[in-house]
Amino acid sequence: MNDNHSSSAWSTYSRTVFIAFAMIALGLIANEHRVHVLGILPWLLILACPLMHLFMHHGHGGHSGHSGHDHASHQAGPVQPKKEADDV
């Protein structure tokens, strides 16, 4: 027997054939279902609005629902410069 073949389950040739087949299949599916996918896009945009609202307002301080969080930067007054002690 010839031992020049790699021991992996996917040889380079098999992997290349599979990738080519998958690309052709995805291209045909995308072409056939393009109308359905484009019809869903406006609904995805509408769905993205509440999701962005939930996830993008996460770090804001000052909301009444965020009790127990101490945001020192929001509660501190104006920064006062330190006075240096005179050496005697």
PDB file of N, CA and C in Angstrom:
ATOM      1  N   MET A   1       0.822  -1.169   0.000  1.00  0.00           N
ATOM      2  CA  MET A   1       0.000   0.000   0.000  1.00  0.00           C
ATOM      3  C   MET A   1       0.870   1.238   0.000  1.00  0.00           C
ATOM      4  N   ASN A   2       0.325   2.315  -0.475  1.00  0.00           N
ATOM      5  CA  ASN A   2       1.051   3.570  -0.544  1.00  0.00           C
ATOM      6  C   ASN A   2       0.772   4.381   0.718  1.00  0.00           C
ATOM      7  N   ASP A   3       1.832   4.768   1.460  1.00  0.00           N
ATOM      8  CA  ASP A   3       1.677   5.506   2.718  1.00  0.00           C
ATOM      9  C   ASP A   3       1.908   6.997   2.548  1.00  0.00           C
ATOM     10  N   ASN A   4       1.827   7.517   1.332  1.00  0.00           N
ATOM     11  CA  ASN A   4       2.058   8.943   1.103  1.00  0.00           C
ATOM     12  C   ASN A   4       0.845   9.804   1.436  1.00  0.00           C
ATOM     13  N   HIS A   5      -0.320   9.215   1.680  1.00  0.00           N
ATOM     14  CA  HIS A   5      -1.520   9.978   2.000  1.00  0.00           C
ATOM     15  C   HIS A   5      -1.470  10.450   3.442  1.00  0.00           C
ATOM     16  N   SER A   6      -2.033  11.630   3.695  1.00  0.00           N
ATOM     17  CA  SER A   6      -2.062  12.143   5.065  1.00  0.00           C
ATOM     18  C   SER A   6      -3.064  11.343   5.880  1.00  0.00           C
ATOM     19  N   SER A   7      -2.863  11.331   7.182  1.00  0.00           N
ATOM     20  CA  SER A   7      -3.719  10.538   8.040  1.00  0.00           C
ATOM     21  C   SER A   7      -4.991  11.288   8.447  1.00  0.00           C
ATOM     22  N   SER A   8      -5.130  12.537   8.024  1.00  0.00           N
ATOM     23  CA  SER A   8      -6.322  13.289   8.400  1.00  0.00           C
ATOM     24  C   SER A   8      -7.542  12.774   7.639  1.00  0.00           C
ATOM     25  N   ALA A   9      -8.702  13.007   8.206  1.00  0.00           N
ATOM     26  CA  ALA A   9      -9.936  12.533   7.593  1.00  0.00           C
ATOM     27  C   ALA A   9     -10.253  13.312   6.318  1.00  0.00           C
ATOM     28  N   TRP A  10      -9.846  14.566   6.267  1.00  0.00           N
ATOM     29  CA  TRP A  10     -10.110  15.414   5.114  1.00  0.00           C
ATOM     30  C   TRP A  10      -8.798  15.672   4.384  1.00  0.00           C
ATOM     31  N   SER A  11      -8.643  15.090   3.241  1.00  0.00           N
ATOM     32  CA  SER A  11      -7.458  15.391   2.450  1.00  0.00           C
ATOM     33  C   SER A  11      -7.661  16.737   1.758  1.00  0.00           C
ATOM     34  N   THR A  12      -6.618  17.288   1.201  1.00  0.00           N
ATOM     35  CA  THR A  12      -6.699  18.576   0.529  1.00  0.00           C
ATOM     36  C   THR A  12      -7.676  18.522  -0.639  1.00  0.00           C
ATOM     37  N   TYR A  13      -7.647  17.434  -1.385  1.00  0.00           N
ATOM     38  CA  TYR A  13      -8.549  17.278  -2.518  1.00  0.00           C
ATOM     39  C   TYR A  13     -10.001  17.214  -2.058  1.00  0.00           C
ATOM     40  N   SER A  14     -10.288  16.437  -1.032  1.00  0.00           N
ATOM     41  CA  SER A  14     -11.656  16.321  -0.519  1.00  0.00           C
ATOM     42  C   SER A  14     -12.153  17.648   0.012  1.00  0.00           C
ATOM     43  N   ARG A  15     -11.300  18.360   0.713  1.00  0.00           N
ATOM     44  CA  ARG A  15     -11.675  19.660   1.261  1.00  0.00           C
ATOM     45  C   ARG A  15     -11.974  20.646   0.135  1.00  0.00           C
ATOM     46  N   THR A  16     -11.182  20.649  -0.922  1.00  0.00           N
ATOM     47  CA  THR A  16     -11.394  21.556  -2.048  1.00  0.00           C
ATOM     48  C   THR A  16     -12.698  21.235  -2.772  1.00  0.00           C
ATOM     49  N   VAL A  17     -12.975  19.968  -2.989  1.00  0.00           N
ATOM     50  CA  VAL A  17     -14.212  19.567  -3.653  1.00  0.00           C
ATOM     51  C   VAL A  17     -15.423  19.953  -2.806  1.00  0.00           C
ATOM     52  N   PHE A  18     -15.338  19.739  -1.492  1.00  0.00           N
ATOM     53  CA  PHE A  18     -16.448  20.089  -0.615  1.00  0.00           C
ATOM     54  C   PHE A  18     -16.703  21.591  -0.621  1.00  0.00           C
ATOM     55  N   ILE A  19     -15.653  22.408  -0.541  1.00  0.00           N
ATOM     56  CA  ILE A  19     -15.805  23.863  -0.541  1.00  0.00           C
ATOM     57  C   ILE A  19     -16.415  24.329  -1.858  1.00  0.00           C
ATOM     58  N   ALA A  20     -15.970  23.775  -2.977  1.00  0.00           N
ATOM     59  CA  ALA A  20     -16.521  24.149  -4.280  1.00  0.00           C
ATOM     60  C   ALA A  20     -18.004  23.772  -4.365  1.00  0.00           C
ATOM     61  N   PHE A  21     -18.353  22.568  -3.917  1.00  0.00           N
ATOM     62  CA  PHE A  21     -19.751  22.136  -3.927  1.00  0.00           C
ATOM     63  C   PHE A  21     -20.604  23.036  -3.031  1.00  0.00           C
ATOM     64  N   ALA A  22     -20.095  23.382  -1.842  1.00  0.00           N
ATOM     65  CA  ALA A  22     -20.845  24.231  -0.911  1.00  0.00           C
ATOM     66  C   ALA A  22     -21.053  25.627  -1.489  1.00  0.00           C
ATOM     67  N   MET A  23     -20.053  26.165  -2.172  1.00  0.00           N
ATOM     68  CA  MET A  23     -20.189  27.496  -2.766  1.00  0.00           C
ATOM     69  C   MET A  23     -21.218  27.496  -3.890  1.00  0.00           C
ATOM     70  N   ILE A  24     -21.205  26.462  -4.710  1.00  0.00           N
ATOM     71  CA  ILE A  24     -22.189  26.367  -5.796  1.00  0.00           C
ATOM     72  C   ILE A  24     -23.592  26.213  -5.215  1.00  0.00           C
ATOM     73  N   ALA A  25     -23.739  25.363  -4.213  1.00  0.00           N
ATOM     74  CA  ALA A  25     -25.061  25.150  -3.607  1.00  0.00           C
ATOM     75  C   ALA A  25     -25.569  26.436  -2.958  1.00  0.00           C
ATOM     76  N   LEU A  26     -24.717  27.149  -2.213  1.00  0.00           N
ATOM     77  CA  LEU A  26     -25.138  28.401  -1.589  1.00  0.00           C
ATOM     78  C   LEU A  26     -25.496  29.461  -2.629  1.00  0.00           C
ATOM     79  N   GLY A  27     -24.757  29.500  -3.734  1.00  0.00           N
ATOM     80  CA  GLY A  27     -25.078  30.437  -4.803  1.00  0.00           C
ATOM     81  C   GLY A  27     -26.431  30.151  -5.429  1.00  0.00           C
ATOM     82  N   LEU A  28     -26.722  28.890  -5.681  1.00  0.00           N
ATOM     83  CA  LEU A  28     -28.023  28.525  -6.255  1.00  0.00           C
ATOM     84  C   LEU A  28     -29.163  28.802  -5.280  1.00  0.00           C
ATOM     85  N   ILE A  29     -28.972  28.491  -4.013  1.00  0.00           N
ATOM     86  CA  ILE A  29     -30.006  28.753  -3.009  1.00  0.00           C
ATOM     87  C   ILE A  29     -30.248  30.250  -2.878  1.00  0.00           C
ATOM     88  N   ALA A  30     -29.174  31.036  -2.857  1.00  0.00           N
ATOM     89  CA  ALA A  30     -29.321  32.496  -2.743  1.00  0.00           C
ATOM     90  C   ALA A  30     -30.044  33.062  -3.951  1.00  0.00           C
ATOM     91  N   ASN A  31     -29.771  32.539  -5.125  1.00  0.00           N
ATOM     92  CA  ASN A  31     -30.426  33.014  -6.338  1.00  0.00           C
ATOM     93  C   ASN A  31     -31.917  32.683  -6.323  1.00  0.00           C
ATOM     94  N   GLU A  32     -32.268  31.498  -5.886  1.00  0.00           N
ATOM     95  CA  GLU A  32     -33.672  31.075  -5.876  1.00  0.00           C
ATOM     96  C   GLU A  32     -34.484  31.794  -4.806  1.00  0.00           C
ATOM     97  N   HIS A  33     -33.879  32.092  -3.675  1.00  0.00           N
ATOM     98  CA  HIS A  33     -34.615  32.653  -2.545  1.00  0.00           C
ATOM     99  C   HIS A  33     -34.311  34.130  -2.319  1.00  0.00           C
ATOM    100  N   ARG A  34     -33.779  34.788  -3.324  1.00  0.00           N
ATOM    101  CA  ARG A  34     -33.422  36.204  -3.210  1.00  0.00           C
ATOM    102  C   ARG A  34     -34.639  37.060  -2.879  1.00  0.00           C
ATOM    103  N   VAL A  35     -35.778  36.774  -3.485  1.00  0.00           N
ATOM    104  CA  VAL A  35     -36.990  37.560  -3.256  1.00  0.00           C
ATOM    105  C   VAL A  35     -37.446  37.420  -1.805  1.00  0.00           C
ATOM    106  N   HIS A  36     -37.349  36.230  -1.257  1.00  0.00           N
ATOM    107  CA  HIS A  36     -37.767  36.009   0.123  1.00  0.00           C
ATOM    108  C   HIS A  36     -36.836  36.738   1.094  1.00  0.00           C
ATOM    109  N   VAL A  37     -35.550  36.669   0.828  1.00  0.00           N
ATOM    110  CA  VAL A  37     -34.575  37.315   1.711  1.00  0.00           C
ATOM    111  C   VAL A  37     -34.726  38.834   1.653  1.00  0.00           C
ATOM    112  N   LEU A  38     -34.892  39.387   0.464  1.00  0.00           N
ATOM    113  CA  LEU A  38     -35.052  40.833   0.343  1.00  0.00           C
ATOM    114  C   LEU A  38     -36.365  41.306   0.955  1.00  0.00           C
ATOM    115  N   GLY A  39     -37.383  40.461   0.989  1.00  0.00           N
ATOM    116  CA  GLY A  39     -38.648  40.813   1.619  1.00  0.00           C
ATOM    117  C   GLY A  39     -38.551  40.867   3.140  1.00  0.00           C
ATOM    118  N   ILE A  40     -37.598  40.163   3.699  1.00  0.00           N
ATOM    119  CA  ILE A  40     -37.423  40.132   5.154  1.00  0.00           C
ATOM    120  C   ILE A  40     -36.590  41.315   5.648  1.00  0.00           C
ATOM    121  N   LEU A  41     -35.770  41.912   4.803  1.00  0.00           N
ATOM    122  CA  LEU A  41     -34.859  42.974   5.230  1.00  0.00           C
ATOM    123  C   LEU A  41     -35.538  44.148   5.941  1.00  0.00           C
ATOM    124  N   PRO A  42     -36.672  44.678   5.476  1.00  0.00           N
ATOM    125  CA  PRO A  42     -37.300  45.773   6.234  1.00  0.00           C
ATOM    126  C   PRO A  42     -37.709  45.358   7.642  1.00  0.00           C
ATOM    127  N   TRP A  43     -38.162  44.123   7.805  1.00  0.00           N
ATOM    128  CA  TRP A  43     -38.557  43.656   9.133  1.00  0.00           C
ATOM    129  C   TRP A  43     -37.339  43.501  10.035  1.00  0.00           C
ATOM    130  N   LEU A  44     -36.207  43.104   9.460  1.00  0.00           N
ATOM    131  CA  LEU A  44     -34.984  43.002  10.264  1.00  0.00           C
ATOM    132  C   LEU A  44     -34.528  44.373  10.741  1.00  0.00           C
ATOM    133  N   LEU A  45     -34.710  45.398   9.921  1.00  0.00           N
ATOM    134  CA  LEU A  45     -34.362  46.757  10.326  1.00  0.00           C
ATOM    135  C   LEU A  45     -35.255  47.218  11.473  1.00  0.00           C
ATOM    136  N   ILE A  46     -36.534  46.915  11.390  1.00  0.00           N
ATOM    137  CA  ILE A  46     -37.456  47.280  12.470  1.00  0.00           C
ATOM    138  C   ILE A  46     -37.115  46.512  13.746  1.00  0.00           C
ATOM    139  N   LEU A  47     -36.737  45.265  13.630  1.00  0.00           N
ATOM    140  CA  LEU A  47     -36.348  44.466  14.789  1.00  0.00           C
ATOM    141  C   LEU A  47     -35.050  44.962  15.394  1.00  0.00           C
ATOM    142  N   ALA A  48     -34.167  45.516  14.590  1.00  0.00           N
ATOM    143  CA  ALA A  48     -32.876  45.993  15.095  1.00  0.00           C
ATOM    144  C   ALA A  48     -33.040  47.197  16.019  1.00  0.00           C
ATOM    145  N   CYS A  49     -34.075  47.993  15.852  1.00  0.00           N
ATOM    146  CA  CYS A  49     -34.262  49.196  16.678  1.00  0.00           C
ATOM    147  C   CYS A  49     -34.397  48.866  18.159  1.00  0.00           C
ATOM    148  N   PRO A  50     -35.326  47.994  18.581  1.00  0.00           N
ATOM    149  CA  PRO A  50     -35.395  47.705  20.018  1.00  0.00           C
ATOM    150  C   PRO A  50     -34.170  46.961  20.530  1.00  0.00           C
ATOM    151  N   LEU A  51     -33.572  46.137  19.694  1.00  0.00           N
ATOM    152  CA  LEU A  51     -32.369  45.432  20.143  1.00  0.00           C
ATOM    153  C   LEU A  51     -31.216  46.405  20.376  1.00  0.00           C
ATOM    154  N   MET A  52     -31.053  47.381  19.493  1.00  0.00           N
ATOM    155  CA  MET A  52     -30.010  48.391  19.703  1.00  0.00           C
ATOM    156  C   MET A  52     -30.317  49.211  20.942  1.00  0.00           C
ATOM    157  N   HIS A  53     -31.582  49.511  21.191  1.00  0.00           N
ATOM    158  CA  HIS A  53     -31.947  50.281  22.370  1.00  0.00           C
ATOM    159  C   HIS A  53     -31.577  49.512  23.638  1.00  0.00           C
ATOM    160  N   LEU A  54     -31.833  48.213  23.656  1.00  0.00           N
ATOM    161  CA  LEU A  54     -31.508  47.414  24.836  1.00  0.00           C
ATOM    162  C   LEU A  54     -30.012  47.314  25.072  1.00  0.00           C
ATOM    163  N   PHE A  55     -29.253  47.062  24.029  1.00  0.00           N
ATOM    164  CA  PHE A  55     -27.835  46.787  24.201  1.00  0.00           C
ATOM    165  C   PHE A  55     -26.968  48.038  24.215  1.00  0.00           C
ATOM    166  N   MET A  56     -27.387  49.115  23.585  1.00  0.00           N
ATOM    167  CA  MET A  56     -26.522  50.291  23.509  1.00  0.00           C
ATOM    168  C   MET A  56     -26.724  51.244  24.683  1.00  0.00           C
ATOM    169  N   HIS A  57     -27.801  51.101  25.446  1.00  0.00           N
ATOM    170  CA  HIS A  57     -28.011  51.937  26.624  1.00  0.00           C
ATOM    171  C   HIS A  57     -27.502  51.253  27.888  1.00  0.00           C
ATOM    172  N   HIS A  58     -26.757  50.198  27.756  1.00  0.00           N
ATOM    173  CA  HIS A  58     -26.340  49.396  28.903  1.00  0.00           C
ATOM    174  C   HIS A  58     -25.435  50.160  29.860  1.00  0.00           C
ATOM    175  N   GLY A  59     -24.506  50.968  29.396  1.00  0.00           N
ATOM    176  CA  GLY A  59     -23.513  51.583  30.261  1.00  0.00           C
ATOM    177  C   GLY A  59     -23.884  52.938  30.814  1.00  0.00           C
ATOM    178  N   HIS A  60     -25.082  53.449  30.567  1.00  0.00           N
ATOM    179  CA  HIS A  60     -25.442  54.787  31.002  1.00  0.00           C
ATOM    180  C   HIS A  60     -25.694  54.813  32.504  1.00  0.00           C
ATOM    181  N   GLY A  61     -25.175  55.820  33.193  1.00  0.00           N
ATOM    182  CA  GLY A  61     -25.439  55.995  34.615  1.00  0.00           C
ATOM    183  C   GLY A  61     -26.606  56.928  34.812  1.00  0.00           C
ATOM    184  N   GLY A  62     -27.110  56.991  36.035  1.00  0.00           N
ATOM    185  CA  GLY A  62     -28.171  57.922  36.359  1.00  0.00           C
ATOM    186  C   GLY A  62     -29.571  57.392  36.146  1.00  0.00           C
ATOM    187  N   HIS A  63     -29.744  56.178  35.693  1.00  0.00           N
ATOM    188  CA  HIS A  63     -31.076  55.607  35.552  1.00  0.00           C
ATOM    189  C   HIS A  63     -31.545  55.120  36.916  1.00  0.00           C
ATOM    190  N   SER A  64     -32.811  55.265  37.200  1.00  0.00           N
ATOM    191  CA  SER A  64     -33.333  54.859  38.504  1.00  0.00           C
ATOM    192  C   SER A  64     -33.285  53.340  38.688  1.00  0.00           C
ATOM    193  N   GLY A  65     -33.259  52.599  37.628  1.00  0.00           N
ATOM    194  CA  GLY A  65     -33.220  51.143  37.732  1.00  0.00           C
ATOM    195  C   GLY A  65     -31.835  50.596  38.034  1.00  0.00           C
ATOM    196  N   HIS A  66     -30.826  51.438  38.075  1.00  0.00           N
ATOM    197  CA  HIS A  66     -29.460  50.983  38.303  1.00  0.00           C
ATOM    198  C   HIS A  66     -29.028  51.284  39.734  1.00  0.00           C
ATOM    199  N   SER A  67     -29.839  50.991  40.715  1.00  0.00           N
ATOM    200  CA  SER A  67     -29.465  51.261  42.097  1.00  0.00           C
ATOM    201  C   SER A  67     -28.362  50.301  42.517  1.00  0.00           C
ATOM    202  N   GLY A  68     -27.509  50.776  43.407  1.00  0.00           N
ATOM    203  CA  GLY A  68     -26.415  49.953  43.894  1.00  0.00           C
ATOM    204  C   GLY A  68     -25.128  50.139  43.134  1.00  0.00           C
ATOM    205  N   HIS A  69     -25.149  50.834  42.008  1.00  0.00           N
ATOM    206  CA  HIS A  69     -23.942  51.090  41.244  1.00  0.00           C
ATOM    207  C   HIS A  69     -23.396  52.446  41.657  1.00  0.00           C
ATOM    208  N   ASP A  70     -22.150  52.499  42.049  1.00  0.00           N
ATOM    209  CA  ASP A  70     -21.535  53.748  42.466  1.00  0.00           C
ATOM    210  C   ASP A  70     -20.657  54.259  41.335  1.00  0.00           C
ATOM    211  N   HIS A  71     -21.126  55.263  40.643  1.00  0.00           N
ATOM    212  CA  HIS A  71     -20.355  55.863  39.559  1.00  0.00           C
ATOM    213  C   HIS A  71     -19.715  57.130  40.101  1.00  0.00           C
ATOM    214  N   ALA A  72     -18.479  57.035  40.565  1.00  0.00           N
ATOM    215  CA  ALA A  72     -17.803  58.164  41.190  1.00  0.00           C
ATOM    216  C   ALA A  72     -17.591  59.302  40.203  1.00  0.00           C
ATOM    217  N   SER A  73     -17.374  58.995  38.956  1.00  0.00           N
ATOM    218  CA  SER A  73     -17.121  60.045  37.979  1.00  0.00           C
ATOM    219  C   SER A  73     -18.359  60.898  37.734  1.00  0.00           C
ATOM    220  N   HIS A  74     -19.559  60.320  37.899  1.00  0.00           N
ATOM    221  CA  HIS A  74     -20.784  61.081  37.686  1.00  0.00           C
ATOM    222  C   HIS A  74     -21.176  61.881  38.924  1.00  0.00           C
ATOM    223  N   GLN A  75     -20.732  61.458  40.121  1.00  0.00           N
ATOM    224  CA  GLN A  75     -21.148  62.093  41.353  1.00  0.00           C
ATOM    225  C   GLN A  75     -20.126  63.102  41.863  1.00  0.00           C
ATOM    226  N   ALA A  76     -18.912  63.068  41.388  1.00  0.00           N
ATOM    227  CA  ALA A  76     -17.871  63.953  41.898  1.00  0.00           C
ATOM    228  C   ALA A  76     -18.101  65.367  41.384  1.00  0.00           C
ATOM    229  N   GLY A  77     -17.715  66.335  42.210  1.00  0.00           N
ATOM    230  CA  GLY A  77     -17.822  67.732  41.837  1.00  0.00           C
ATOM    231  C   GLY A  77     -16.645  68.127  40.965  1.00  0.00           C
ATOM    232  N   PRO A  78     -16.423  69.439  40.805  1.00  0.00           N
ATOM    233  CA  PRO A  78     -15.292  69.882  40.001  1.00  0.00           C
ATOM    234  C   PRO A  78     -13.971  69.488  40.665  1.00  0.00           C
ATOM    235  N   VAL A  79     -12.991  69.222  39.843  1.00  0.00           N
ATOM    236  CA  VAL A  79     -11.698  68.772  40.330  1.00  0.00           C
ATOM    237  C   VAL A  79     -10.929  69.962  40.888  1.00  0.00           C
ATOM    238  N   GLN A  80     -10.453  69.837  42.138  1.00  0.00           N
ATOM    239  CA  GLN A  80      -9.679  70.889  42.803  1.00  0.00           C
ATOM    240  C   GLN A  80      -8.211  70.523  42.706  1.00  0.00           C
ATOM    241  N   PRO A  81      -7.337  71.476  42.332  1.00  0.00           N
ATOM    242  CA  PRO A  81      -5.917  71.158  42.282  1.00  0.00           C
ATOM    243  C   PRO A  81      -5.370  70.982  43.693  1.00  0.00           C
ATOM    244  N   LYS A  82      -4.399  70.067  43.843  1.00  0.00           N
ATOM    245  CA  LYS A  82      -3.785  69.813  45.134  1.00  0.00           C
ATOM    246  C   LYS A  82      -2.865  70.977  45.489  1.00  0.00           C
ATOM    247  N   LYS A  83      -2.856  71.320  46.781  1.00  0.00           N
ATOM    248  CA  LYS A  83      -1.922  72.339  47.268  1.00  0.00           C
ATOM    249  C   LYS A  83      -0.679  71.638  47.755  1.00  0.00           C
ATOM    250  N   GLU A  84       0.457  72.123  47.308  1.00  0.00           N
ATOM    251  CA  GLU A  84       1.711  71.503  47.712  1.00  0.00           C
ATOM    252  C   GLU A  84       2.145  72.081  49.056  1.00  0.00           C
ATOM    253  N   ALA A  85       2.640  71.216  49.928  1.00  0.00           N
ATOM    254  CA  ALA A  85       3.097  71.658  51.247  1.00  0.00           C
ATOM    255  C   ALA A  85       4.462  72.298  51.090  1.00  0.00           C
ATOM    256  N   ASP A  86       4.644  73.424  51.786  1.00  0.00           N
ATOM    257  CA  ASP A  86       5.953  74.106  51.768  1.00  0.00           C
ATOM    258  C   ASP A  86       6.902  73.396  52.700  1.00  0.00           C
ATOM    259  N   ASP A  87       8.083  73.066  52.193  1.00  0.00           N
ATOM    260  CA  ASP A  87       9.116  72.452  53.054  1.00  0.00           C
ATOM    261  C   ASP A  87       9.792  73.536  53.860  1.00  0.00           C
ATOM    262  N   VAL A  88       9.946  73.292  55.156  1.00  0.00           N
ATOM    263  CA  VAL A  88      10.566  74.283  56.023  1.00  0.00           C
ATOM    264  C   VAL A  88      11.978  73.920  56.327  1.00  0.00           C
TER     265      VAL A  88
END
